[in-house]
Amino acid sequence: MSQRTADLVISVLASVVSIALSWPYWRAFEYAPESPLAWYLYFALGFVLAVYVFQVFIGRLRELFGHEASAHAHDTEP
């Protein structure tokens, strides 16, 4: 499994967990918009944006740890 595929899988799983955690707040369609179609569109768009945000976060986190590892390796060289 490539790194990009792993990042995508982690992002999708994190987004699914995020939506599952918000379940009590939207399950009764109590808040605006009142239309179920609007809710489905709202959560579909939110899911896509959440996947994107998680992917960017994981990428920047990997880059940050990469810089830290290279700085640490540079400090330990004789």
C-alpha atoms as a PDB file:
ATOM      1  CA  MET A   1       0.000   0.000   0.000  1.00  0.00           C
ATOM      2  CA  SER A   2       1.470   3.324  -1.014  1.00  0.00           C
ATOM      3  CA  GLN A   3       1.800   6.249   1.324  1.00  0.00           C
ATOM      4  CA  ARG A   4      -0.844   8.279  -0.502  1.00  0.00           C
ATOM      5  CA  THR A   5      -3.313   5.398  -0.379  1.00  0.00           C
ATOM      6  CA  ALA A   6      -2.667   4.912   3.325  1.00  0.00           C
ATOM      7  CA  ASP A   7      -3.209   8.640   3.914  1.00  0.00           C
ATOM      8  CA  LEU A   8      -6.484   8.492   1.983  1.00  0.00           C
ATOM      9  CA  VAL A   9      -7.713   5.473   3.952  1.00  0.00           C
ATOM     10  CA  ILE A  10      -6.825   7.131   7.265  1.00  0.00           C
ATOM     11  CA  SER A  11      -8.518  10.357   6.158  1.00  0.00           C
ATOM     12  CA  VAL A  12     -11.713   8.583   5.121  1.00  0.00           C
ATOM     13  CA  LEU A  13     -11.831   6.606   8.375  1.00  0.00           C
ATOM     14  CA  ALA A  14     -11.247   9.758  10.424  1.00  0.00           C
ATOM     15  CA  SER A  15     -14.021  11.530   8.514  1.00  0.00           C
ATOM     16  CA  VAL A  16     -16.425   8.634   9.078  1.00  0.00           C
ATOM     17  CA  VAL A  17     -15.634   8.733  12.794  1.00  0.00           C
ATOM     18  CA  SER A  18     -16.194  12.503  12.827  1.00  0.00           C
ATOM     19  CA  ILE A  19     -19.620  12.144  11.249  1.00  0.00           C
ATOM     20  CA  ALA A  20     -20.490   9.260  13.581  1.00  0.00           C
ATOM     21  CA  LEU A  21     -19.561  11.380  16.591  1.00  0.00           C
ATOM     22  CA  SER A  22     -21.872  14.143  15.389  1.00  0.00           C
ATOM     23  CA  TRP A  23     -24.809  11.736  14.990  1.00  0.00           C
ATOM     24  CA  PRO A  24     -26.785  12.882  18.091  1.00  0.00           C
ATOM     25  CA  TYR A  25     -26.791  16.456  16.842  1.00  0.00           C
ATOM     26  CA  TRP A  26     -28.274  15.901  13.394  1.00  0.00           C
ATOM     27  CA  ARG A  27     -30.252  12.666  13.557  1.00  0.00           C
ATOM     28  CA  ALA A  28     -33.628  14.337  14.132  1.00  0.00           C
ATOM     29  CA  PHE A  29     -33.221  17.090  11.498  1.00  0.00           C
ATOM     30  CA  GLU A  30     -33.974  19.589  14.279  1.00  0.00           C
ATOM     31  CA  TYR A  31     -31.807  22.387  12.962  1.00  0.00           C
ATOM     32  CA  ALA A  32     -32.032  24.407   9.751  1.00  0.00           C
ATOM     33  CA  PRO A  33     -32.192  23.409   6.933  1.00  0.00           C
ATOM     34  CA  GLU A  34     -35.361  21.428   7.420  1.00  0.00           C
ATOM     35  CA  SER A  35     -35.155  19.523   4.156  1.00  0.00           C
ATOM     36  CA  PRO A  36     -33.566  16.043   4.381  1.00  0.00           C
ATOM     37  CA  LEU A  37     -32.034  16.590   0.928  1.00  0.00           C
ATOM     38  CA  ALA A  38     -30.287  19.711   2.212  1.00  0.00           C
ATOM     39  CA  TRP A  39     -28.946  17.681   5.150  1.00  0.00           C
ATOM     40  CA  TYR A  40     -27.599  14.990   2.824  1.00  0.00           C
ATOM     41  CA  LEU A  41     -25.892  17.586   0.656  1.00  0.00           C
ATOM     42  CA  TYR A  42     -24.530  19.345   3.744  1.00  0.00           C
ATOM     43  CA  PHE A  43     -22.996  16.147   5.111  1.00  0.00           C
ATOM     44  CA  ALA A  44     -21.717  14.978   1.722  1.00  0.00           C
ATOM     45  CA  LEU A  45     -19.903  18.276   1.214  1.00  0.00           C
ATOM     46  CA  GLY A  46     -18.690  18.222   4.819  1.00  0.00           C
ATOM     47  CA  PHE A  47     -17.378  14.680   4.373  1.00  0.00           C
ATOM     48  CA  VAL A  48     -15.407  15.600   1.247  1.00  0.00           C
ATOM     49  CA  LEU A  49     -13.954  18.669   2.965  1.00  0.00           C
ATOM     50  CA  ALA A  50     -13.098  16.623   6.073  1.00  0.00           C
ATOM     51  CA  VAL A  51     -11.225  14.057   3.971  1.00  0.00           C
ATOM     52  CA  TYR A  52      -9.262  16.857   2.308  1.00  0.00           C
ATOM     53  CA  VAL A  53      -8.424  18.537   5.628  1.00  0.00           C
ATOM     54  CA  PHE A  54      -7.309  15.254   7.184  1.00  0.00           C
ATOM     55  CA  GLN A  55      -5.104  14.498   4.162  1.00  0.00           C
ATOM     56  CA  VAL A  56      -3.452  17.909   4.329  1.00  0.00           C
ATOM     57  CA  PHE A  57      -2.958  17.545   8.094  1.00  0.00           C
ATOM     58  CA  ILE A  58      -1.375  14.093   7.753  1.00  0.00           C
ATOM     59  CA  GLY A  59       0.894  15.342   4.954  1.00  0.00           C
ATOM     60  CA  ARG A  60       2.104  18.340   6.952  1.00  0.00           C
ATOM     61  CA  LEU A  61       2.570  16.180  10.044  1.00  0.00           C
ATOM     62  CA  ARG A  62       4.695  13.708   8.061  1.00  0.00           C
ATOM     63  CA  GLU A  63       6.737  16.619   6.684  1.00  0.00           C
ATOM     64  CA  LEU A  64       7.231  18.028  10.180  1.00  0.00           C
ATOM     65  CA  PHE A  65       8.458  14.686  11.526  1.00  0.00           C
ATOM     66  CA  GLY A  66      10.718  14.310   8.481  1.00  0.00           C
ATOM     67  CA  HIS A  67      12.362  17.665   9.184  1.00  0.00           C
ATOM     68  CA  GLU A  68      12.771  16.747  12.845  1.00  0.00           C
ATOM     69  CA  ALA A  69      14.371  13.409  11.953  1.00  0.00           C
ATOM     70  CA  SER A  70      16.788  15.028   9.501  1.00  0.00           C
ATOM     71  CA  ALA A  71      17.734  17.719  12.034  1.00  0.00           C
ATOM     72  CA  HIS A  72      18.290  15.060  14.681  1.00  0.00           C
ATOM     73  CA  ALA A  73      20.429  12.996  12.279  1.00  0.00           C
ATOM     74  CA  HIS A  74      22.440  16.107  11.395  1.00  0.00           C
ATOM     75  CA  ASP A  75      23.110  16.852  15.087  1.00  0.00           C
ATOM     76  CA  THR A  76      24.394  13.344  15.824  1.00  0.00           C
ATOM     77  CA  GLU A  77      26.885  13.209  12.941  1.00  0.00           C
ATOM     78  CA  PRO A  78      30.558  13.429  13.995  1.00  0.00           C
END
